Amino acid sequence: MRFFSDNAAAVHPALFKAMAEADRLDTAYDSDAWSQRLDRAFSDLFEREVTALWVTTGTAANCLALAGMVHPYGGILCHREAHIQVDEAGAPEFFTGGAKLLLVDGPGAKLTVDAVEDARSRIRADVHQVQADALSITNATEYGLVYSAAETAALGAWAKDHGLGFHLDGARFANAVVSTGASPAALTWKAGVDALSFGFVKNGGLSAEALILFDPALADGIRRRRKRSGHLLSKGRYLAAQLLAMIEGDLWLSNARSANEAARRLAEAAGARLVHPVEANEVFLKVTAEEAAALRAEGFDFYDWGVGEARLVTSWDQDMQAVDRLAEAIRRL
């Protein structure tokens, strides 16, 4: 009964079927019939013309996007606990050729206009300090909190007013869309986002993530960076087939609904133990070491989050009977 990570979830069978259908001779890299369909498919999804590129990891999607926005001597405003800061092993600095992450605080790993303006205002404009080139947020955040369309738009307007690129790390973008009920367009380009790392692996995917570019000026440079960084696969049609299988028929949304519903059931059981509101598919609980051990003794697997906390992550394929058993075990603590 695993609640450790949605990265460990099963792959949806529709993706294997789609890859099997793509398993025939075609052209290489991203010139195949499947890859050539991506721009149109994602343009329909986002209600405007976009460039859609497949990559193999969310780290690559994030870092390629940021590398297209910032100078090697520039900076990226992000939360102190953003994934690009705490879990990507310096990849943003590597891909950008040395750009610095400029860390900002905020509850639940969320940024506000006041917080980023305060951070920017403390940077001197002289040559001795790194100047911000971009703003990056994560939706949903590392603590499962979701930015509304209005919150994102406020940050997007601020970024535009200060001449900054605006990147959205959407490793759990599907969960945020389901949670808010807002359209993908409202949570991205209509709110000023220039590039989106659209996560699929955590949501039933296998080995393909999407980098969605709303600013056409970014496309050529990022394509070249994708090749230079070793992320232009020769048989890219298998990645494209996965992405198309997820978005055609809204499988990405139905999978996210299942994960969010499982988290909602656990949140109801947790009550006052909740560390953060549950707005996507992550649940953070206050538990003692003894209580965590008791849950594990019943067969539940999860991640210890520092001292006195546990993180539960639900997946698209979560066994709802196991979810209800865990909810009851939490109530009994």
Protein backbone atom coordinates (compact mmCIF):
# COMPACT_ATOMS: atom_id res chain seq x y z
CA MET A 1 0.00 0.00 0.00
CA ARG A 2 2.34 2.62 -1.36
CA PHE A 3 1.94 6.35 -0.84
CA PHE A 4 5.60 7.17 -1.35
CA SER A 5 5.58 8.95 -4.72
CA ASP A 6 3.49 9.33 -7.85
CA ASN A 7 6.75 8.82 -9.75
CA ALA A 8 6.48 5.15 -8.77
CA ALA A 9 2.94 4.67 -10.10
CA ALA A 10 2.09 2.35 -12.96
CA VAL A 11 2.02 3.50 -16.57
CA HIS A 12 -1.45 3.85 -18.02
CA PRO A 13 -2.13 1.03 -20.52
CA ALA A 14 -3.19 3.52 -23.18
CA LEU A 15 0.41 4.69 -23.44
CA PHE A 16 1.76 1.22 -24.17
CA LYS A 17 -0.92 0.84 -26.82
CA ALA A 18 0.05 4.18 -28.37
CA MET A 19 3.75 3.27 -28.42
CA ALA A 20 2.96 -0.11 -30.00
CA GLU A 21 1.07 1.69 -32.75
CA ALA A 22 4.10 3.94 -33.28
CA ASP A 23 6.42 0.94 -33.50
CA ARG A 24 7.00 1.08 -37.24
CA LEU A 25 9.40 2.73 -39.64
CA ASP A 26 9.17 6.51 -39.75
CA THR A 27 11.61 9.39 -39.93
CA ALA A 28 13.94 10.06 -37.01
CA TYR A 29 14.30 12.58 -34.17
CA ASP A 30 11.26 14.91 -34.19
CA SER A 31 10.35 14.76 -37.87
CA ASP A 32 8.04 11.75 -37.48
CA ALA A 33 4.27 11.89 -37.88
CA TRP A 34 3.61 11.78 -34.13
CA SER A 35 6.03 14.57 -33.18
CA GLN A 36 4.69 16.69 -36.01
CA ARG A 37 1.20 16.48 -34.46
CA LEU A 38 2.27 17.87 -31.10
CA ASP A 39 2.11 21.59 -31.90
CA ARG A 40 -1.44 21.29 -33.19
CA ALA A 41 -2.64 19.04 -30.38
CA PHE A 42 -1.26 21.26 -27.64
CA SER A 43 -2.37 24.42 -29.46
CA ASP A 44 -5.91 23.09 -29.36
CA LEU A 45 -5.54 22.29 -25.66
CA PHE A 46 -4.23 25.76 -24.80
CA GLU A 47 -6.49 27.68 -27.19
CA ARG A 48 -3.62 29.39 -29.04
CA GLU A 49 -0.60 28.58 -31.16
CA VAL A 50 2.19 27.00 -29.13
CA THR A 51 5.40 25.10 -29.70
CA ALA A 52 5.38 21.71 -27.98
CA LEU A 53 8.64 19.80 -27.50
CA TRP A 54 9.06 16.38 -25.93
CA VAL A 55 11.84 15.72 -23.43
CA THR A 56 12.53 12.76 -21.17
CA THR A 57 12.49 14.41 -17.74
CA GLY A 58 10.93 17.29 -15.87
CA THR A 59 14.39 18.52 -14.97
CA ALA A 60 15.25 18.82 -18.66
CA ALA A 61 11.97 20.63 -19.37
CA ASN A 62 12.52 23.11 -16.55
CA CYS A 63 16.15 23.78 -17.34
CA LEU A 64 15.81 24.06 -21.10
CA ALA A 65 13.02 26.59 -20.60
CA LEU A 66 15.06 28.63 -18.14
CA ALA A 67 18.18 28.46 -20.30
CA GLY A 68 16.19 30.05 -23.10
CA MET A 69 15.19 32.97 -20.87
CA VAL A 70 18.25 33.96 -18.89
CA HIS A 71 21.80 35.11 -19.42
CA PRO A 72 24.60 32.95 -17.98
CA TYR A 73 25.31 35.89 -15.66
CA GLY A 74 21.63 36.45 -14.82
CA GLY A 75 19.31 35.23 -12.09
CA ILE A 76 16.07 33.31 -11.65
CA LEU A 77 13.70 34.30 -8.86
CA CYS A 78 12.14 31.19 -7.32
CA HIS A 79 10.94 29.89 -3.98
CA ARG A 80 13.55 28.67 -1.53
CA GLU A 81 11.87 25.26 -1.62
CA ALA A 82 11.14 25.14 -5.34
CA HIS A 83 11.98 21.86 -7.06
CA ILE A 84 14.58 23.61 -9.23
CA GLN A 85 16.37 24.60 -6.01
CA VAL A 86 16.07 21.57 -3.75
CA ASP A 87 15.81 18.59 -6.09
CA GLU A 88 17.60 19.23 -9.37
CA ALA A 89 21.23 18.98 -8.24
CA GLY A 90 22.32 22.26 -9.78
CA ALA A 91 20.86 21.43 -13.20
CA PRO A 92 19.44 24.94 -13.74
CA GLU A 93 22.89 26.42 -13.21
CA PHE A 94 24.40 23.76 -15.49
CA PHE A 95 21.93 24.22 -18.37
CA THR A 96 22.04 28.02 -18.19
CA GLY A 97 25.82 28.18 -18.08
CA GLY A 98 25.93 29.64 -14.61
CA ALA A 99 22.75 31.62 -13.92
CA LYS A 100 22.02 32.00 -10.20
CA LEU A 101 18.82 30.99 -8.41
CA LEU A 102 17.60 33.95 -6.35
CA LEU A 103 15.66 32.46 -3.45
CA VAL A 104 12.42 33.90 -2.08
CA ASP A 105 10.37 32.82 0.94
CA GLY A 106 6.65 32.20 1.27
CA PRO A 107 4.32 29.75 3.08
CA GLY A 108 3.63 26.45 1.38
CA ALA A 109 6.38 27.10 -1.20
CA LYS A 110 4.17 29.72 -2.88
CA LEU A 111 5.35 33.11 -4.07
CA THR A 112 3.46 36.39 -3.93
CA VAL A 113 3.99 39.66 -5.73
CA ASP A 114 5.02 41.33 -2.48
CA ALA A 115 7.60 38.63 -1.78
CA VAL A 116 9.24 38.73 -5.21
CA GLU A 117 9.18 42.52 -5.31
CA ASP A 118 10.88 42.65 -1.92
CA ALA A 119 13.55 40.22 -3.12
CA ARG A 120 14.12 42.12 -6.37
CA SER A 121 14.22 45.50 -4.65
CA ARG A 122 17.09 44.35 -2.45
CA ILE A 123 19.28 43.61 -5.49
CA ARG A 124 21.49 46.56 -6.30
CA ALA A 125 21.53 47.54 -9.96
CA ASP A 126 25.31 47.71 -10.12
CA VAL A 127 27.66 45.24 -11.77
CA HIS A 128 28.53 43.57 -8.47
CA GLN A 129 25.18 41.79 -8.04
CA VAL A 130 23.25 39.28 -10.15
CA GLN A 131 20.22 40.79 -11.88
CA ALA A 132 17.01 38.81 -12.25
CA ASP A 133 16.13 37.68 -15.79
CA ALA A 134 13.25 35.32 -15.01
CA LEU A 135 10.64 34.29 -12.46
CA SER A 136 9.83 30.61 -11.90
CA ILE A 137 6.90 29.16 -9.95
CA THR A 138 5.66 25.61 -9.38
CA ASN A 139 2.00 24.62 -9.74
CA ALA A 140 1.24 22.59 -7.71
CA THR A 141 4.03 23.47 -5.25
CA GLU A 142 6.31 21.06 -3.42
CA TYR A 143 3.75 21.14 -0.60
CA GLY A 144 0.76 20.49 -2.83
CA LEU A 145 -0.58 24.04 -2.81
CA VAL A 146 -2.12 25.39 -5.99
CA TYR A 147 -1.85 28.79 -7.65
CA SER A 148 -5.18 30.11 -8.88
CA ALA A 149 -5.42 31.79 -12.26
CA ALA A 150 -5.63 35.16 -10.50
CA GLU A 151 -2.54 34.51 -8.37
CA THR A 152 -0.56 33.40 -11.41
CA ALA A 153 -1.75 36.40 -13.42
CA ALA A 154 -0.64 38.79 -10.68
CA LEU A 155 2.85 37.30 -10.79
CA GLY A 156 2.81 37.29 -14.58
CA ALA A 157 1.91 40.97 -14.72
CA TRP A 158 4.67 41.76 -12.24
CA ALA A 159 7.21 39.79 -14.30
CA LYS A 160 6.18 41.60 -17.48
CA ASP A 161 6.38 45.00 -15.77
CA HIS A 162 9.99 44.21 -14.81
CA GLY A 163 11.01 42.66 -18.12
CA LEU A 164 11.37 39.13 -16.74
CA GLY A 165 10.60 35.82 -18.41
CA PHE A 166 7.95 33.76 -16.60
CA HIS A 167 8.41 29.99 -16.27
CA LEU A 168 5.93 27.55 -14.76
CA ASP A 169 7.12 24.19 -13.45
CA GLY A 170 4.04 22.05 -13.95
CA ALA A 171 5.21 18.62 -12.85
CA ARG A 172 1.74 18.27 -11.31
CA PHE A 173 0.02 20.76 -13.61
CA ALA A 174 -2.83 18.30 -14.25
CA ASN A 175 -3.60 18.15 -10.53
CA ALA A 176 -3.64 21.95 -10.37
CA VAL A 177 -6.02 22.21 -13.34
CA VAL A 178 -8.42 19.72 -11.74
CA SER A 179 -8.17 21.41 -8.35
CA THR A 180 -8.87 24.94 -9.59
CA GLY A 181 -11.34 24.09 -12.34
CA ALA A 182 -9.58 26.71 -14.46
CA SER A 183 -8.66 26.08 -18.06
CA PRO A 184 -5.05 25.25 -19.01
CA ALA A 185 -4.99 28.57 -20.87
CA ALA A 186 -6.12 30.54 -17.81
CA LEU A 187 -3.39 29.04 -15.66
CA THR A 188 -0.62 29.70 -18.20
CA TRP A 189 -0.35 32.10 -21.13
CA LYS A 190 -3.44 34.14 -20.21
CA ALA A 191 -1.67 34.71 -16.89
CA GLY A 192 1.55 35.76 -18.58
CA VAL A 193 3.47 32.45 -18.57
CA ASP A 194 6.09 32.22 -21.33
CA ALA A 195 7.05 28.55 -20.92
CA LEU A 196 5.47 25.58 -19.17
CA SER A 197 7.09 22.32 -18.11
CA PHE A 198 4.01 20.10 -18.51
CA GLY A 199 4.39 16.98 -16.39
CA PHE A 200 3.03 13.60 -17.47
CA VAL A 201 5.24 10.98 -15.82
CA LYS A 202 3.78 11.61 -12.35
CA ASN A 203 0.30 11.33 -13.87
CA GLY A 204 0.48 7.90 -15.49
CA GLY A 205 3.18 8.57 -18.08
CA LEU A 206 6.27 6.53 -18.81
CA SER A 207 9.21 8.54 -20.14
CA ALA A 208 7.92 11.71 -21.77
CA GLU A 209 7.31 15.25 -20.53
CA ALA A 210 6.24 18.25 -22.58
CA LEU A 211 7.88 21.65 -22.80
CA ILE A 212 5.24 24.13 -23.98
CA LEU A 213 6.45 27.47 -25.32
CA PHE A 214 3.96 30.32 -25.48
CA ASP A 215 6.63 32.79 -26.57
CA PRO A 216 7.60 31.82 -30.15
CA ALA A 217 10.91 33.66 -29.83
CA LEU A 218 12.12 30.94 -27.44
CA ALA A 219 11.54 27.99 -29.77
CA ASP A 220 14.61 27.94 -32.02
CA GLY A 221 17.15 28.42 -29.26
CA ILE A 222 15.54 25.80 -27.03
CA ARG A 223 15.41 23.28 -29.88
CA ARG A 224 19.16 23.73 -30.31
CA ARG A 225 19.76 23.46 -26.57
CA ARG A 226 17.69 20.26 -26.48
CA LYS A 227 20.02 18.70 -29.05
CA ARG A 228 23.18 20.01 -27.42
CA SER A 229 22.15 18.68 -24.00
CA GLY A 230 21.53 15.16 -25.31
CA HIS A 231 17.74 15.24 -25.12
CA LEU A 232 16.93 14.92 -28.83
CA LEU A 233 16.12 11.21 -29.00
CA SER A 234 16.47 9.56 -32.39
CA LYS A 235 13.17 7.68 -31.94
CA GLY A 236 11.21 10.58 -30.59
CA ARG A 237 7.97 9.22 -31.97
CA TYR A 238 7.64 6.99 -28.89
CA LEU A 239 7.69 10.06 -26.63
CA ALA A 240 5.30 11.96 -28.86
CA ALA A 241 2.93 8.98 -28.91
CA GLN A 242 2.82 8.97 -25.11
CA LEU A 243 1.96 12.67 -24.93
CA LEU A 244 -0.74 12.40 -27.58
CA ALA A 245 -2.29 9.41 -25.80
CA MET A 246 -2.49 11.44 -22.58
CA ILE A 247 -4.07 14.60 -23.97
CA GLU A 248 -6.31 13.21 -26.72
CA GLY A 249 -9.43 12.17 -24.87
CA ASP A 250 -8.41 14.03 -21.69
CA LEU A 251 -6.78 11.03 -20.04
CA TRP A 252 -4.43 13.46 -18.26
CA LEU A 253 -7.42 15.04 -16.51
CA SER A 254 -9.17 11.83 -15.53
CA ASN A 255 -5.92 10.48 -14.06
CA ALA A 256 -5.43 13.67 -12.04
CA ARG A 257 -9.00 13.55 -10.76
CA SER A 258 -8.40 10.05 -9.40
CA ALA A 259 -5.21 11.12 -7.62
CA ASN A 260 -6.79 14.27 -6.18
CA GLU A 261 -9.83 12.35 -4.95
CA ALA A 262 -7.61 9.88 -3.10
CA ALA A 263 -5.77 12.76 -1.43
CA ARG A 264 -9.07 14.40 -0.49
CA ARG A 265 -10.15 11.25 1.37
CA LEU A 266 -6.92 11.18 3.34
CA ALA A 267 -7.21 14.88 4.13
CA GLU A 268 -10.67 14.37 5.59
CA ALA A 269 -9.29 11.69 7.89
CA ALA A 270 -6.26 13.76 8.91
CA GLY A 271 -8.15 16.75 10.27
CA ALA A 272 -5.97 18.84 12.56
CA ARG A 273 -2.91 16.76 11.68
CA LEU A 274 -2.67 18.50 8.29
CA VAL A 275 0.42 20.67 7.91
CA HIS A 276 -0.83 22.29 4.68
CA PRO A 277 -4.22 22.46 2.98
CA VAL A 278 -4.65 19.59 0.53
CA GLU A 279 -5.23 21.10 -2.90
CA ALA A 280 -3.70 18.50 -5.22
CA ASN A 281 -2.38 14.97 -4.57
CA GLU A 282 0.04 15.50 -1.69
CA VAL A 283 -0.85 15.21 2.00
CA PHE A 284 1.51 16.37 4.75
CA LEU A 285 0.75 15.08 8.25
CA LYS A 286 1.99 15.74 11.74
CA VAL A 287 2.98 12.35 13.16
CA THR A 288 5.34 11.19 15.86
CA ALA A 289 8.00 8.61 15.11
CA GLU A 290 5.91 6.04 16.98
CA GLU A 291 2.80 6.87 14.95
CA ALA A 292 4.74 6.65 11.69
CA ALA A 293 6.05 3.25 12.75
CA ALA A 294 2.53 2.11 13.58
CA LEU A 295 1.31 3.08 10.10
CA ARG A 296 4.21 1.26 8.47
CA ALA A 297 3.50 -1.80 10.60
CA GLU A 298 0.08 -1.92 8.95
CA GLY A 299 1.71 -1.99 5.53
CA PHE A 300 1.62 1.67 4.48
CA ASP A 301 4.65 3.15 2.70
CA PHE A 302 5.33 6.89 2.74
CA TYR A 303 8.10 9.47 3.03
CA ASP A 304 9.32 10.96 6.32
CA TRP A 305 9.36 14.74 5.87
CA GLY A 306 11.81 16.07 8.38
CA VAL A 307 11.05 15.57 12.06
CA GLY A 308 7.47 14.93 13.08
CA GLU A 309 5.96 15.01 9.59
CA ALA A 310 5.06 12.53 6.89
CA ARG A 311 4.33 13.06 3.22
CA LEU A 312 1.68 10.95 1.50
CA VAL A 313 1.42 11.14 -2.28
CA THR A 314 -1.53 9.64 -4.13
CA SER A 315 -1.44 8.42 -7.71
CA TRP A 316 -3.81 8.01 -10.65
CA ASP A 317 -3.95 4.24 -10.08
CA GLN A 318 -4.27 4.29 -6.30
CA ASP A 319 -6.28 1.41 -4.88
CA MET A 320 -9.19 3.21 -3.23
CA GLN A 321 -9.64 0.37 -0.75
CA ALA A 322 -6.06 0.97 0.38
CA VAL A 323 -6.79 4.70 0.56
CA ASP A 324 -9.78 4.07 2.81
CA ARG A 325 -7.73 1.68 4.97
CA LEU A 326 -5.05 4.34 5.40
CA ALA A 327 -7.69 6.97 6.19
CA GLU A 328 -9.09 4.73 8.91
CA ALA A 329 -5.59 4.04 10.27
CA ILE A 330 -4.93 7.78 10.48
CA ARG A 331 -8.21 8.30 12.37
CA ARG A 332 -7.15 5.66 14.88
CA LEU A 333 -3.84 7.35 15.72
